[in-house]
Amino acid sequence: MKSRILLNLALAAAVAALGLFAFLKPRPGTGPEYRLSGLNPSEVTEFRVERAGLPALEIRKRSGRWTMTAPIPGRVELLKVQRVLDLTGATSRQRFAADDLQRFELAPPALVITLQGERFALGMRNPVSQEQYVGTRDGVFLVAPRFAAAVPARAEDWLSRQPLADPESPVAFEMPGFTIRSVDGKWTVSPERSDLSQDDLNRWVQEWRSARAGAVERGPKTPQGESFTLRLKDDRAVPFRILRREPEVVLVRTDENLQYHFSRENGAPLLNLPAREKR
């Protein structure tokens, strides 16, 4: 009798599993293709990212540049913004009624992206196709999982890792112990170094222009350490502090209150001129 009861329970579980599989299995589609949004990515000037258990992110386009306004003010990586805006072009061949959102893990969703006031709730992945369930005002859709995967969880991971923004063009570097300045289109160094060629100085300046930190985070309230200043072509001054030189190089851009972490190999050349060649 006991074995028969266990057998019946096993059969009931199998039937339930098959029912769930049938419910979640994407239907091969020759039907219409649904577009999740009517937005054009060029129309989006702001978006919000809400993830369970984390502060909401607010990102806006200002004067042609994307900036995070909360929770950490700062420039953001353009590529990461573009990946989020790709959601405006997402399409699906599967649409479900939004009458039982718990089945799709959309009540509540783990992630919500709001583009220009248009809300996209991202739920579970379909166990068969690995596509993502996305809820909008028009229903629930199955889309490629790359949209959720492209959204960094931590606010710090959105920040640009370049200490200098792309439009910022330095004309002088007032560093601890030396100054490099552009004079009549050529770079000069003070105190003078006869062993450094114009190519050497050009390479050093280019290292700064292309510098990319390994990590970025909010800076301390009152950063300590040596200070230096980069002066830009538009007459602005960009102030920095050297928070650490060992075992990694940590620079704080004090006007943005952000600190940039470099390995010593990548960071030390930004603070020192090339060594004199031994003869």
Protein backbone atom coordinates (compact mmCIF):
# COMPACT_ATOMS: atom_id res chain seq x y z
CA MET A 1 0.00 0.00 0.00
CA LYS A 2 2.79 2.40 0.94
CA SER A 3 4.67 1.77 -2.32
CA ARG A 4 1.49 2.43 -4.31
CA ILE A 5 1.00 5.78 -2.53
CA LEU A 6 4.60 6.76 -3.29
CA LEU A 7 4.14 5.77 -6.92
CA ASN A 8 0.99 7.90 -7.19
CA LEU A 9 2.80 10.86 -5.66
CA ALA A 10 5.68 10.47 -8.13
CA LEU A 11 3.24 10.32 -11.05
CA ALA A 12 1.45 13.43 -9.79
CA ALA A 13 4.77 15.29 -9.53
CA ALA A 14 5.71 14.25 -13.06
CA VAL A 15 2.37 15.47 -14.42
CA ALA A 16 2.82 18.81 -12.63
CA ALA A 17 6.34 19.16 -14.03
CA LEU A 18 5.10 18.45 -17.55
CA GLY A 19 2.37 21.02 -17.10
CA LEU A 20 4.88 23.64 -15.99
CA PHE A 21 7.14 22.75 -18.92
CA ALA A 22 4.24 23.14 -21.34
CA PHE A 23 3.32 26.50 -19.81
CA LEU A 24 6.84 27.90 -19.94
CA LYS A 25 7.98 26.37 -23.23
CA PRO A 26 8.19 29.03 -25.93
CA ARG A 27 5.90 28.27 -28.81
CA PRO A 28 7.75 28.11 -32.12
CA GLY A 29 6.60 31.16 -33.84
CA THR A 30 5.59 32.22 -37.24
CA GLY A 31 3.23 34.79 -35.78
CA PRO A 32 3.69 38.53 -35.38
CA GLU A 33 6.83 40.03 -33.88
CA TYR A 34 6.09 42.35 -30.98
CA ARG A 35 8.22 45.37 -30.23
CA LEU A 36 8.44 46.12 -26.52
CA SER A 37 8.79 49.88 -26.85
CA GLY A 38 7.77 52.70 -29.11
CA LEU A 39 10.76 54.78 -28.00
CA ASN A 40 13.63 55.75 -30.24
CA PRO A 41 16.96 55.53 -28.34
CA SER A 42 17.85 59.05 -29.50
CA GLU A 43 14.76 60.34 -27.67
CA VAL A 44 15.88 58.98 -24.29
CA THR A 45 17.53 61.57 -22.08
CA GLU A 46 17.02 59.90 -18.71
CA PHE A 47 16.49 56.49 -17.18
CA ARG A 48 16.16 54.86 -13.79
CA VAL A 49 17.41 51.44 -12.66
CA GLU A 50 15.86 49.79 -9.62
CA ARG A 51 17.24 46.53 -8.27
CA ALA A 52 15.91 44.77 -5.18
CA GLY A 53 17.96 45.63 -2.09
CA LEU A 54 20.06 48.37 -3.74
CA PRO A 55 19.67 52.16 -4.08
CA ALA A 56 17.94 53.28 -7.27
CA LEU A 57 20.18 54.68 -10.02
CA GLU A 58 19.26 57.92 -11.79
CA ILE A 59 21.12 58.60 -15.04
CA ARG A 60 20.53 61.67 -17.24
CA LYS A 61 21.93 63.20 -20.39
CA ARG A 62 23.28 66.70 -19.81
CA SER A 63 24.86 68.83 -22.52
CA GLY A 64 25.36 65.73 -24.61
CA ARG A 65 27.04 63.75 -21.80
CA TRP A 66 25.55 60.96 -19.68
CA THR A 67 25.84 61.53 -15.94
CA MET A 68 24.69 59.63 -12.89
CA THR A 69 22.85 61.93 -10.51
CA ALA A 70 22.13 59.32 -7.81
CA PRO A 71 23.33 57.57 -5.77
CA ILE A 72 26.89 58.61 -6.82
CA PRO A 73 27.14 61.73 -8.99
CA GLY A 74 29.61 61.26 -11.82
CA ARG A 75 30.28 60.59 -15.47
CA VAL A 76 29.18 57.15 -16.68
CA GLU A 77 30.50 54.72 -19.29
CA LEU A 78 28.79 55.42 -22.62
CA LEU A 79 28.91 51.75 -23.66
CA LYS A 80 26.88 50.73 -20.60
CA VAL A 81 24.28 53.38 -21.35
CA GLN A 82 24.03 52.21 -24.96
CA ARG A 83 23.41 48.63 -23.83
CA VAL A 84 20.49 49.77 -21.71
CA LEU A 85 19.09 51.87 -24.55
CA ASP A 86 19.16 48.73 -26.73
CA LEU A 87 16.05 47.69 -24.80
CA THR A 88 14.05 50.17 -26.89
CA GLY A 89 14.67 47.97 -29.93
CA ALA A 90 13.89 44.63 -28.25
CA THR A 91 11.37 42.39 -30.02
CA SER A 92 9.59 39.18 -29.10
CA ARG A 93 7.45 36.52 -30.79
CA GLN A 94 5.87 35.57 -27.47
CA ARG A 95 3.36 37.71 -25.59
CA PHE A 96 1.51 36.66 -22.46
CA ALA A 97 -1.30 38.35 -20.58
CA ALA A 98 -0.11 40.18 -17.47
CA ASP A 99 -2.70 38.51 -15.23
CA ASP A 100 -0.46 36.27 -13.08
CA LEU A 101 2.86 38.05 -12.75
CA GLN A 102 4.12 35.75 -9.99
CA ARG A 103 4.50 32.95 -12.52
CA PHE A 104 7.12 35.04 -14.28
CA GLU A 105 8.73 36.31 -11.04
CA LEU A 106 7.48 39.78 -11.86
CA ALA A 107 5.59 40.37 -8.61
CA PRO A 108 7.84 41.89 -7.50
CA PRO A 109 10.52 41.91 -10.22
CA ALA A 110 14.20 41.71 -9.35
CA LEU A 111 15.05 44.52 -11.77
CA VAL A 112 13.10 47.46 -13.19
CA ILE A 113 14.38 49.79 -15.91
CA THR A 114 12.39 52.95 -16.62
CA LEU A 115 13.32 54.71 -19.86
CA GLN A 116 11.85 58.17 -20.31
CA GLY A 117 8.90 57.14 -18.11
CA GLU A 118 8.38 53.79 -19.87
CA ARG A 119 8.69 50.86 -17.42
CA PHE A 120 10.31 47.49 -18.14
CA ALA A 121 10.19 44.87 -15.37
CA LEU A 122 12.63 41.98 -15.79
CA GLY A 123 11.71 38.64 -14.26
CA MET A 124 12.85 35.02 -14.45
CA ARG A 125 14.51 33.24 -17.34
CA ASN A 126 12.59 30.61 -19.25
CA PRO A 127 14.22 27.30 -18.21
CA VAL A 128 13.97 25.92 -21.74
CA SER A 129 15.06 28.79 -23.99
CA GLN A 130 16.90 30.84 -21.32
CA GLU A 131 15.09 33.93 -22.62
CA GLN A 132 14.03 36.60 -20.14
CA TYR A 133 10.47 37.48 -19.20
CA VAL A 134 9.92 41.22 -19.43
CA GLY A 135 6.76 42.94 -18.30
CA THR A 136 5.53 46.17 -19.86
CA ARG A 137 2.19 47.96 -19.91
CA ASP A 138 1.24 45.84 -22.94
CA GLY A 139 1.90 42.43 -21.40
CA VAL A 140 4.72 40.00 -20.68
CA PHE A 141 7.26 39.15 -23.38
CA LEU A 142 10.18 36.80 -23.89
CA VAL A 143 13.39 38.50 -24.99
CA ALA A 144 17.08 37.69 -25.19
CA PRO A 145 18.78 37.54 -21.74
CA ARG A 146 21.48 40.02 -22.73
CA PHE A 147 19.38 43.01 -21.67
CA ALA A 148 19.43 42.08 -17.99
CA ALA A 149 23.03 40.88 -18.16
CA ALA A 150 24.13 44.28 -19.50
CA VAL A 151 22.94 46.17 -16.40
CA PRO A 152 25.67 46.50 -13.73
CA ALA A 153 24.42 45.88 -10.21
CA ARG A 154 26.68 48.33 -8.33
CA ALA A 155 26.49 52.08 -8.90
CA GLU A 156 30.31 52.23 -8.95
CA ASP A 157 30.39 49.91 -11.96
CA TRP A 158 28.53 52.50 -14.06
CA LEU A 159 31.12 55.23 -13.51
CA SER A 160 33.61 56.12 -16.22
CA ARG A 161 37.06 54.77 -15.40
CA GLN A 162 38.79 57.63 -17.21
CA PRO A 163 39.95 60.44 -14.90
CA LEU A 164 39.59 62.84 -17.83
CA ALA A 165 36.41 63.13 -19.87
CA ASP A 166 36.80 62.77 -23.64
CA PRO A 167 36.35 66.51 -24.39
CA GLU A 168 38.84 67.58 -21.70
CA SER A 169 42.12 68.54 -23.35
CA PRO A 170 45.04 69.32 -21.00
CA VAL A 171 47.55 72.04 -21.88
CA ALA A 172 49.54 71.87 -18.62
CA PHE A 173 50.33 69.30 -15.93
CA GLU A 174 51.46 70.84 -12.66
CA MET A 175 52.76 67.70 -10.96
CA PRO A 176 54.64 67.20 -7.67
CA GLY A 177 58.26 67.96 -8.61
CA PHE A 178 57.81 68.96 -12.26
CA THR A 179 55.55 70.77 -14.73
CA ILE A 180 54.77 69.91 -18.34
CA ARG A 181 53.24 72.67 -20.43
CA SER A 182 52.23 73.17 -24.06
CA VAL A 183 54.05 76.16 -25.58
CA ASP A 184 53.51 77.03 -29.25
CA GLY A 185 52.31 73.52 -29.96
CA LYS A 186 55.24 71.79 -28.25
CA TRP A 187 55.52 70.26 -24.80
CA THR A 188 58.12 71.63 -22.44
CA VAL A 189 59.18 70.30 -19.04
CA SER A 190 60.38 72.22 -16.01
CA PRO A 191 62.90 71.65 -14.49
CA GLU A 192 64.39 71.05 -17.91
CA ARG A 193 65.29 67.51 -18.92
CA SER A 194 67.63 67.41 -21.92
CA ASP A 195 67.36 63.61 -22.11
CA LEU A 196 63.62 63.74 -22.91
CA SER A 197 62.59 64.21 -26.52
CA GLN A 198 59.35 65.70 -27.79
CA ASP A 199 58.23 62.13 -28.57
CA ASP A 200 58.87 61.16 -24.94
CA LEU A 201 56.70 64.02 -23.72
CA ASN A 202 53.99 63.31 -26.28
CA ARG A 203 53.82 59.71 -25.10
CA TRP A 204 53.59 60.79 -21.47
CA VAL A 205 50.74 63.22 -22.23
CA GLN A 206 48.96 60.54 -24.26
CA GLU A 207 49.14 58.17 -21.29
CA TRP A 208 47.14 60.69 -19.31
CA ARG A 209 44.61 61.24 -22.10
CA SER A 210 43.96 57.49 -22.41
CA ALA A 211 44.38 56.57 -18.73
CA ARG A 212 41.79 54.07 -17.54
CA ALA A 213 41.54 52.95 -13.92
CA GLY A 214 40.85 49.43 -12.80
CA ALA A 215 38.10 50.64 -10.45
CA VAL A 216 36.29 53.83 -9.47
CA GLU A 217 34.43 54.73 -6.31
CA ARG A 218 33.19 57.68 -4.32
CA GLY A 219 36.04 59.78 -2.94
CA PRO A 220 36.66 60.58 0.74
CA LYS A 221 35.07 63.69 2.22
CA THR A 222 38.44 65.31 2.94
CA PRO A 223 41.10 63.63 0.75
CA GLN A 224 44.66 63.88 1.99
CA GLY A 225 47.94 63.57 0.11
CA GLU A 226 49.99 65.46 -2.44
CA SER A 227 48.02 67.65 -4.78
CA PHE A 228 48.50 68.37 -8.46
CA THR A 229 46.53 70.20 -11.13
CA LEU A 230 45.79 69.66 -14.80
CA ARG A 231 44.94 72.80 -16.74
CA LEU A 232 42.67 72.47 -19.75
CA LYS A 233 42.42 74.23 -23.08
CA ASP A 234 39.18 75.91 -21.95
CA ASP A 235 41.02 77.49 -18.98
CA ARG A 236 39.49 75.13 -16.43
CA ALA A 237 41.63 73.56 -13.71
CA VAL A 238 41.18 69.91 -12.75
CA PRO A 239 42.45 69.27 -9.19
CA PHE A 240 43.75 65.88 -7.99
CA ARG A 241 45.12 64.33 -4.81
CA ILE A 242 47.46 61.35 -4.59
CA LEU A 243 45.76 59.20 -1.98
CA ARG A 244 48.24 56.31 -2.31
CA ARG A 245 51.29 55.35 -4.32
CA GLU A 246 51.75 51.84 -2.87
CA PRO A 247 50.79 49.02 -3.29
CA GLU A 248 48.44 50.58 -5.83
CA VAL A 249 48.11 54.13 -7.11
CA VAL A 250 44.90 55.87 -6.00
CA LEU A 251 44.10 59.31 -7.39
CA VAL A 252 41.20 61.46 -6.23
CA ARG A 253 39.69 63.94 -8.66
CA THR A 254 38.47 66.36 -6.04
CA ASP A 255 36.11 68.45 -8.20
CA GLU A 256 34.08 65.29 -8.91
CA ASN A 257 34.80 63.60 -5.56
CA LEU A 258 35.76 60.33 -7.26
CA GLN A 259 38.79 58.16 -6.64
CA TYR A 260 40.50 56.09 -9.31
CA HIS A 261 42.40 52.89 -8.53
CA PHE A 262 45.33 51.95 -10.76
CA SER A 263 47.78 49.10 -10.51
CA ARG A 264 51.23 50.43 -9.70
CA GLU A 265 52.37 49.43 -13.18
CA ASN A 266 49.71 51.60 -14.83
CA GLY A 267 49.49 54.39 -12.27
CA ALA A 268 53.13 55.20 -11.47
CA PRO A 269 53.93 56.45 -15.03
CA LEU A 270 51.17 59.06 -14.66
CA LEU A 271 52.99 60.61 -11.70
CA ASN A 272 56.60 60.31 -12.88
CA LEU A 273 58.56 61.28 -15.95
CA PRO A 274 60.48 58.55 -17.76
CA ALA A 275 63.73 57.61 -16.04
CA ARG A 276 67.00 58.98 -17.39
CA GLU A 277 68.79 56.53 -19.61
CA LYS A 278 71.96 55.13 -18.10
CA ARG A 279 75.12 55.69 -20.12
